[in-house]
Protein backbone atom coordinates (compact mmCIF):
# COMPACT_ATOMS: atom_id res chain seq x y z
CA MET A 1 -22.55 -43.55 42.31
CA GLY A 2 -24.27 -43.54 38.91
CA MET A 3 -26.04 -41.22 37.03
CA ASP A 4 -29.77 -41.14 37.73
CA MET A 5 -31.90 -41.27 34.19
CA GLN A 6 -32.71 -37.76 34.00
CA GLU A 7 -28.81 -36.67 34.17
CA MET A 8 -28.06 -39.89 31.23
CA ARG A 9 -31.13 -38.19 29.38
CA LYS A 10 -29.35 -35.33 29.84
CA HIS A 11 -26.13 -36.67 28.96
CA ILE A 12 -26.70 -38.22 25.74
CA THR A 13 -28.79 -35.24 24.81
CA GLU A 14 -25.84 -32.76 25.09
CA THR A 15 -23.45 -35.26 23.77
CA VAL A 16 -25.51 -35.89 20.82
CA ARG A 17 -26.42 -32.10 20.37
CA GLU A 18 -22.99 -30.84 20.41
CA ARG A 19 -21.72 -33.13 17.91
CA VAL A 20 -24.62 -32.52 15.23
CA SER A 21 -24.46 -28.09 15.89
CA ARG A 22 -22.40 -26.10 13.95
CA ASN A 23 -20.91 -23.06 14.82
CA ASP A 24 -22.39 -19.97 12.05
CA ALA A 25 -18.54 -20.11 10.48
CA ASP A 26 -19.14 -23.22 9.76
CA ARG A 27 -22.69 -23.26 8.72
CA LYS A 28 -21.89 -20.56 5.89
CA GLU A 29 -18.88 -22.60 4.92
CA ALA A 30 -20.58 -25.73 4.61
CA LEU A 31 -24.30 -23.87 2.70
CA ALA A 32 -21.46 -21.80 -0.06
CA GLU A 33 -20.00 -25.38 -0.47
CA PHE A 34 -23.24 -27.12 -0.72
CA PHE A 35 -24.93 -24.58 -3.30
CA GLY A 36 -21.75 -24.20 -5.12
CA VAL A 37 -22.21 -28.40 -6.22
CA THR A 38 -25.86 -28.21 -6.34
CA MET A 39 -27.37 -24.72 -7.30
CA THR A 40 -24.76 -23.92 -10.72
CA GLY A 41 -26.12 -20.91 -12.09
CA ALA A 42 -28.98 -20.33 -9.73
CA ASP A 43 -29.58 -17.05 -8.87
CA GLU A 44 -28.57 -15.85 -5.79
CA ARG A 45 -31.84 -14.27 -4.09
CA ALA A 46 -32.38 -18.49 -4.26
CA ALA A 47 -29.65 -19.13 -2.04
CA ASP A 48 -29.98 -16.15 0.08
CA LYS A 49 -33.41 -17.39 1.20
CA LEU A 50 -32.25 -20.71 1.61
CA SER A 51 -29.27 -19.36 4.04
CA GLU A 52 -32.20 -17.60 5.70
CA ILE A 53 -34.40 -21.00 6.38
CA ILE A 54 -31.38 -23.44 7.10
CA PRO A 55 -30.11 -22.05 10.60
CA PRO A 56 -33.37 -22.28 12.08
CA LEU A 57 -34.04 -25.29 10.61
CA LEU A 58 -31.16 -27.08 12.30
CA PRO A 59 -31.46 -26.75 15.84
CA GLN A 60 -35.25 -27.17 15.87
CA LEU A 61 -35.39 -30.51 14.03
CA TYR A 62 -32.41 -31.38 15.36
CA ASP A 63 -33.78 -31.25 18.75
CA LYS A 64 -36.67 -32.81 17.69
CA TRP A 65 -34.74 -35.88 16.47
CA ILE A 66 -32.33 -36.36 19.27
CA GLY A 67 -35.34 -36.45 21.78
CA MET A 68 -37.12 -39.51 19.72
CA PHE A 69 -33.71 -40.67 19.89
CA VAL A 70 -33.09 -40.50 23.66
CA GLU A 71 -36.71 -41.91 24.03
CA ARG A 72 -36.12 -44.73 22.28
CA LEU A 73 -32.75 -45.66 23.45
CA PHE A 74 -34.14 -45.61 27.04
CA GLU A 75 -36.89 -47.59 25.69
CA THR A 76 -34.57 -50.34 24.30
CA VAL A 77 -31.20 -50.61 25.94
CA PRO A 78 -30.90 -51.67 29.84
CA VAL A 79 -30.10 -49.04 32.89
CA LYS A 80 -26.56 -50.74 33.39
CA GLN A 81 -25.68 -50.63 29.75
CA LEU A 82 -26.91 -46.67 29.33
CA GLU A 83 -24.78 -46.13 32.79
CA MET A 84 -21.70 -47.03 30.70
CA LEU A 85 -22.32 -45.29 27.34
CA CYS A 86 -22.74 -42.13 29.83
CA ASP A 87 -19.60 -42.32 31.07
CA GLY A 88 -18.16 -39.37 29.00
CA THR A 89 -15.37 -41.10 27.70
CA ASP A 90 -14.69 -40.18 23.86
CA ASP A 91 -15.49 -43.85 23.45
CA ASN A 92 -18.49 -44.16 24.60
CA ASN A 93 -19.13 -40.60 23.20
CA ALA A 94 -19.13 -41.37 19.51
CA THR A 95 -20.53 -45.05 20.19
CA LEU A 96 -23.63 -42.47 21.51
CA ILE A 97 -23.22 -40.37 18.13
CA LEU A 98 -22.92 -43.82 15.80
CA ILE A 99 -25.94 -45.43 17.33
CA TYR A 100 -27.90 -41.95 16.77
CA LEU A 101 -26.54 -41.88 13.04
CA MET A 102 -27.91 -45.43 13.10
CA PHE A 103 -31.36 -44.82 14.50
CA LEU A 104 -31.92 -41.59 11.81
CA GLU A 105 -30.77 -44.54 8.98
CA SER A 106 -33.63 -46.37 10.14
CA GLU A 107 -36.66 -46.81 7.84
CA ARG A 108 -39.10 -44.94 10.05
CA MET A 109 -36.83 -42.06 10.66
CA GLU A 110 -36.38 -41.71 7.43
CA LYS A 111 -39.72 -41.06 6.89
CA GLN A 112 -39.83 -39.07 9.66
CA ILE A 113 -37.40 -37.26 8.59
CA ASP A 114 -38.23 -36.72 4.92
CA GLU A 115 -42.02 -35.29 6.71
CA ASP A 116 -40.25 -32.83 9.03
CA LEU A 117 -37.85 -31.30 6.22
CA ARG A 118 -40.07 -30.99 3.30
CA SER A 119 -42.87 -29.48 5.56
CA TYR A 120 -40.31 -26.93 7.73
CA GLY A 121 -38.16 -25.94 4.23
CA LEU A 122 -42.18 -25.27 2.34
CA ALA A 123 -43.20 -23.58 5.39
CA HIS A 124 -40.32 -20.89 6.33
CA SER A 125 -39.99 -20.72 2.42
CA GLY A 126 -43.25 -20.99 0.88
CA ASP A 127 -41.39 -22.49 -2.19
CA ALA A 128 -41.95 -26.25 -2.56
CA ASP A 129 -38.31 -26.80 -4.45
CA LEU A 130 -36.43 -24.56 -1.79
CA GLY A 131 -38.11 -26.56 0.84
CA ASP A 132 -36.59 -30.03 -0.92
CA VAL A 133 -33.22 -28.13 -1.46
CA ALA A 134 -33.43 -27.26 2.47
CA ALA A 135 -34.06 -31.02 2.97
CA SER A 136 -31.07 -32.26 0.51
CA TYR A 137 -28.55 -30.21 2.32
CA ILE A 138 -29.63 -31.56 5.72
CA ARG A 139 -29.42 -34.90 4.59
CA ALA A 140 -25.62 -34.47 3.00
CA LYS A 141 -24.83 -33.13 6.16
CA MET A 142 -26.29 -36.16 8.33
CA THR A 143 -24.31 -38.22 5.52
CA GLN A 144 -21.43 -36.29 5.78
CA LEU A 145 -21.50 -36.49 9.58
CA GLY A 146 -21.87 -39.89 9.52
CA LYS A 147 -18.62 -40.46 7.15
CA THR A 148 -16.71 -38.32 9.72
CA LEU A 149 -17.64 -40.53 13.02
CA LYS A 150 -17.21 -43.39 10.91
CA GLY A 151 -13.79 -42.37 10.40
CA LEU A 152 -13.58 -41.81 14.01
CA ASP A 153 -14.52 -45.00 14.57
CA GLU A 154 -11.27 -46.64 12.80
CA GLU A 155 -8.63 -44.97 14.62
């Protein structure tokens, strides 16, 4: 008995969301590290403001992008292959994440991500420069995730 379409959508969404989500401690550590490298000499108020912007940014935008990914996957991948990818094994879960990262790296999604990050960062900070820093942080985290996952793929 295979999964129905709704169960497969849910599995893919949860698998990707779980991997790209970070707990608050990891987020704070990553922000401190990122700001230490990219904002040398920046005033603490700017870093604090960014810390307020970035937590709500991640889940909202990741959910949007994950939804777009799931829709595209179901448009282009045969059901039998989707069923195989949704078997819950570590290998197939890692494959789903790698496919998601390749989707994010597409030209269409790079434009979408850039637009989303800029508009969200600007809307929540009122400052175009802070919006750009928030966008840079998200891009850096996605790149880091991609490198981590590709390392898992080589094991």
